[in-house]
Amino acid sequence: MYPTTTPTIAIAPTARTIEIRSSDANQPQLKFVVNYRKDGKRKQKAFKTEEEAIEFAQTKNPNFRCDPIQDTEAQASARMVLECTNRLNAHGRTISDATDFFIQHLTANEKSCTATKLVDEFVAAKQKEAASNFDLEDLRSRLTTFGKRFDSNPVATITSAQIDDWLRSLNVSIITRNHYRRLIMMAFNFAVERGYTNSNPVFGRFVVSRTV
């Protein structure tokens, strides 16, 4: 017999109480468990679907009814846990995996900054490294354009596909586009060092020539 969660999905307000509970979310096969009494003894029977559980409960108590509208907040939460667990299981993942991933994503976003702030800090850092005036102006010119395009996005949320699409939209030569990509890649390396993002979305791929 496996453990069941505390939230009750449906309880009939009759003399013979019948409960339908959702099984533990960590069980390999999610079930609905009907708790009922027979001959003064507590009984339990599991079903794969809620519909089967309700049908069985009604055979034990004709007055049993399950009204989804009357679900309590706890009951709705139990139902959502089952649904989310099933969806994650289809990809070989668990709720714990999803929680860890989402918390990591939120933490990264909280530490992140705007693209414009990243550009300003990166240029300032290069200036302290005694970069030439030519290089500094090149950085400001190219990266400011990038910063304005993505300023509404925290750098931790900017994807490689978004950057690639933006680079391809520029009406510039392949050499200039690759130069943009190199500078953006350097800026994101700086962002990783500062903890603004966990990874660099710009890959070291450069187009050398057009495919004929």
Protein backbone atom coordinates (compact mmCIF):
# COMPACT_ATOMS: atom_id res chain seq x y z
CA MET A 1 0.00 0.00 0.00
CA TYR A 2 1.46 3.39 -0.90
CA PRO A 3 1.01 6.73 0.96
CA THR A 4 -1.60 9.25 -0.08
CA THR A 5 -1.53 13.03 0.02
CA THR A 6 -3.54 14.88 2.61
CA PRO A 7 -5.75 16.98 0.26
CA THR A 8 -9.08 15.29 -0.40
CA ILE A 9 -10.36 15.73 -3.93
CA ALA A 10 -13.98 15.01 -3.06
CA ILE A 11 -15.93 14.15 0.08
CA ALA A 12 -19.63 13.31 0.10
CA PRO A 13 -21.52 14.97 2.97
CA THR A 14 -23.41 11.78 3.87
CA ALA A 15 -23.59 9.40 6.81
CA ARG A 16 -21.07 7.08 5.15
CA THR A 17 -18.02 9.19 4.40
CA ILE A 18 -16.19 8.30 1.23
CA GLU A 19 -12.93 10.04 0.36
CA ILE A 20 -11.12 10.19 -2.94
CA ARG A 21 -7.49 11.09 -2.45
CA SER A 22 -4.69 11.65 -4.94
CA SER A 23 -1.71 9.33 -4.54
CA ASP A 24 1.77 10.55 -3.63
CA ALA A 25 3.23 12.60 -6.50
CA ASN A 26 6.47 10.60 -6.36
CA GLN A 27 4.72 7.32 -7.18
CA PRO A 28 5.68 5.98 -10.65
CA GLN A 29 1.99 5.54 -11.56
CA LEU A 30 -0.33 8.26 -10.35
CA LYS A 31 -3.62 6.95 -8.97
CA PHE A 32 -6.75 8.03 -7.16
CA VAL A 33 -7.47 6.17 -3.95
CA VAL A 34 -10.98 5.64 -2.59
CA ASN A 35 -11.16 5.29 1.21
CA TYR A 36 -14.44 3.77 2.44
CA ARG A 37 -15.83 1.57 5.20
CA LYS A 38 -17.24 -1.94 4.82
CA ASP A 39 -18.55 -4.08 7.66
CA GLY A 40 -17.19 -1.54 10.09
CA LYS A 41 -13.67 -1.82 8.67
CA ARG A 42 -11.73 0.81 6.77
CA LYS A 43 -11.05 -0.19 3.17
CA GLN A 44 -9.02 1.34 0.35
CA LYS A 45 -8.98 0.85 -3.42
CA ALA A 46 -6.84 2.60 -6.05
CA PHE A 47 -7.77 3.67 -9.59
CA LYS A 48 -5.80 5.15 -12.47
CA THR A 49 -8.36 7.87 -13.23
CA GLU A 50 -10.56 10.09 -11.11
CA GLU A 51 -13.60 9.07 -13.16
CA GLU A 52 -13.14 5.40 -12.22
CA ALA A 53 -12.68 6.36 -8.58
CA ILE A 54 -15.89 8.41 -8.55
CA GLU A 55 -17.85 5.63 -10.26
CA PHE A 56 -16.69 3.13 -7.64
CA ALA A 57 -17.43 5.57 -4.80
CA GLN A 58 -20.98 5.94 -6.07
CA THR A 59 -21.48 2.16 -5.92
CA LYS A 60 -20.58 2.32 -2.25
CA ASN A 61 -22.68 5.39 -1.57
CA PRO A 62 -25.36 6.35 -4.12
CA ASN A 63 -25.52 9.84 -2.61
CA PHE A 64 -21.84 10.45 -3.29
CA ARG A 65 -21.20 13.36 -5.62
CA CYS A 66 -18.10 15.16 -6.81
CA ASP A 67 -18.68 18.79 -7.66
CA PRO A 68 -15.48 20.37 -9.07
CA ILE A 69 -16.94 23.82 -8.42
CA GLN A 70 -16.84 23.09 -4.68
CA ASP A 71 -13.18 22.07 -4.67
CA THR A 72 -11.26 23.80 -1.92
CA GLU A 73 -7.97 25.55 -2.57
CA ALA A 74 -6.12 22.53 -1.20
CA GLN A 75 -8.06 20.21 -3.49
CA ALA A 76 -7.30 22.37 -6.51
CA SER A 77 -3.62 22.37 -5.55
CA ALA A 78 -3.58 18.57 -5.34
CA ARG A 79 -5.17 18.36 -8.78
CA MET A 80 -2.58 20.76 -10.20
CA VAL A 81 0.29 18.76 -8.66
CA LEU A 82 -0.98 15.64 -10.41
CA GLU A 83 -1.30 17.39 -13.75
CA CYS A 84 2.16 18.99 -13.54
CA THR A 85 3.74 15.72 -12.41
CA ASN A 86 2.24 13.85 -15.35
CA ARG A 87 3.49 16.47 -17.81
CA LEU A 88 7.00 16.39 -16.33
CA ASN A 89 7.08 12.58 -16.24
CA ALA A 90 6.50 12.57 -19.98
CA HIS A 91 9.93 14.22 -20.29
CA GLY A 92 11.58 12.13 -17.60
CA ARG A 93 11.60 15.02 -15.12
CA THR A 94 10.17 15.61 -11.66
CA ILE A 95 8.62 18.53 -9.82
CA SER A 96 11.89 18.82 -7.89
CA ASP A 97 13.79 19.20 -11.19
CA ALA A 98 11.36 21.88 -12.36
CA THR A 99 11.58 23.75 -9.05
CA ASP A 100 15.39 23.74 -9.06
CA PHE A 101 15.47 24.99 -12.65
CA PHE A 102 12.94 27.77 -12.03
CA ILE A 103 14.63 28.94 -8.81
CA GLN A 104 17.96 29.07 -10.63
CA HIS A 105 16.30 31.09 -13.41
CA LEU A 106 14.74 33.53 -10.92
CA THR A 107 17.99 33.93 -8.99
CA ALA A 108 19.90 34.67 -12.19
CA ASN A 109 17.31 37.26 -13.24
CA GLU A 110 17.45 38.97 -9.86
CA LYS A 111 21.22 39.35 -10.17
CA SER A 112 21.04 40.38 -13.81
CA CYS A 113 21.09 43.84 -15.35
CA THR A 114 19.87 45.54 -18.49
CA ALA A 115 21.79 45.31 -21.74
CA THR A 116 22.50 49.05 -21.59
CA LYS A 117 24.00 48.79 -18.10
CA LEU A 118 26.13 45.85 -19.24
CA VAL A 119 27.47 47.88 -22.17
CA ASP A 120 28.25 50.87 -19.94
CA GLU A 121 30.10 48.73 -17.39
CA PHE A 122 31.95 46.77 -20.05
CA VAL A 123 33.18 49.90 -21.84
CA ALA A 124 34.19 51.47 -18.50
CA ALA A 125 36.15 48.32 -17.61
CA LYS A 126 37.96 48.41 -20.96
CA GLN A 127 38.76 52.07 -20.40
CA LYS A 128 40.41 51.19 -17.06
CA GLU A 129 42.41 48.55 -18.90
CA ALA A 130 43.85 51.41 -21.00
CA ALA A 131 42.21 50.37 -24.25
CA SER A 132 42.91 52.70 -27.17
CA ASN A 133 40.50 55.49 -28.01
CA PHE A 134 39.78 53.76 -31.33
CA ASP A 135 38.81 50.51 -29.59
CA LEU A 136 36.68 52.34 -27.01
CA GLU A 137 34.78 54.24 -29.69
CA ASP A 138 34.26 51.02 -31.62
CA LEU A 139 32.88 49.34 -28.51
CA ARG A 140 30.57 52.25 -27.73
CA SER A 141 29.29 52.49 -31.29
CA ARG A 142 28.60 48.79 -31.86
CA LEU A 143 27.47 47.78 -28.40
CA THR A 144 25.29 50.83 -27.80
CA THR A 145 23.23 49.76 -30.81
CA PHE A 146 22.96 46.29 -29.31
CA GLY A 147 22.06 47.71 -25.89
CA LYS A 148 19.23 49.82 -27.27
CA ARG A 149 17.76 46.80 -29.08
CA PHE A 150 17.74 44.60 -25.97
CA ASP A 151 17.47 47.17 -23.20
CA SER A 152 14.06 45.89 -22.05
CA ASN A 153 15.55 42.41 -21.48
CA PRO A 154 17.72 41.37 -18.53
CA VAL A 155 20.91 39.99 -20.05
CA ALA A 156 20.24 36.64 -18.35
CA THR A 157 17.13 36.20 -20.51
CA ILE A 158 18.65 37.10 -23.89
CA THR A 159 19.01 33.97 -26.03
CA SER A 160 21.44 33.03 -28.78
CA ALA A 161 18.54 32.85 -31.26
CA GLN A 162 17.51 36.45 -30.45
CA ILE A 163 21.06 37.70 -30.92
CA ASP A 164 21.50 35.74 -34.14
CA ASP A 165 18.20 37.05 -35.56
CA TRP A 166 19.18 40.62 -34.69
CA LEU A 167 22.63 40.26 -36.30
CA ARG A 168 21.08 38.89 -39.48
CA SER A 169 18.66 41.81 -39.58
CA LEU A 170 21.51 44.35 -39.76
CA ASN A 171 22.10 45.82 -43.18
CA VAL A 172 25.85 45.33 -42.98
CA SER A 173 28.52 43.15 -44.56
CA ILE A 174 29.37 39.69 -43.25
CA ILE A 175 32.67 41.01 -41.90
CA THR A 176 30.89 43.76 -39.95
CA ARG A 177 28.27 41.31 -38.66
CA ASN A 178 31.01 39.02 -37.39
CA HIS A 179 32.67 41.99 -35.73
CA TYR A 180 29.41 42.76 -33.89
CA ARG A 181 29.18 39.14 -32.80
CA ARG A 182 32.75 39.15 -31.44
CA LEU A 183 32.15 42.31 -29.39
CA ILE A 184 28.83 41.00 -28.03
CA MET A 185 30.51 37.72 -27.10
CA MET A 186 33.18 39.67 -25.18
CA ALA A 187 30.47 41.68 -23.39
CA PHE A 188 28.68 38.50 -22.32
CA ASN A 189 31.94 36.99 -21.07
CA PHE A 190 32.16 40.09 -18.88
CA ALA A 191 28.53 39.56 -17.79
CA VAL A 192 29.30 35.99 -16.71
CA GLU A 193 32.28 37.23 -14.68
CA ARG A 194 30.07 39.81 -12.97
CA GLY A 195 27.36 37.23 -12.22
CA TYR A 196 24.75 38.90 -14.42
CA THR A 197 24.12 35.64 -16.28
CA ASN A 198 25.12 31.99 -15.88
CA SER A 199 26.28 31.45 -19.45
CA ASN A 200 27.27 33.22 -22.64
CA PRO A 201 24.55 32.87 -25.32
CA VAL A 202 26.92 33.95 -28.09
CA PHE A 203 28.78 31.06 -29.64
CA GLY A 204 32.13 31.41 -31.34
CA ARG A 205 30.68 30.79 -34.77
CA PHE A 206 31.50 33.29 -37.47
CA VAL A 207 30.34 33.44 -41.06
CA VAL A 208 33.35 33.69 -43.33
CA SER A 209 31.62 33.70 -46.67
CA ARG A 210 28.19 33.35 -48.13
CA THR A 211 27.00 29.94 -49.26
CA VAL A 212 26.63 29.85 -53.04
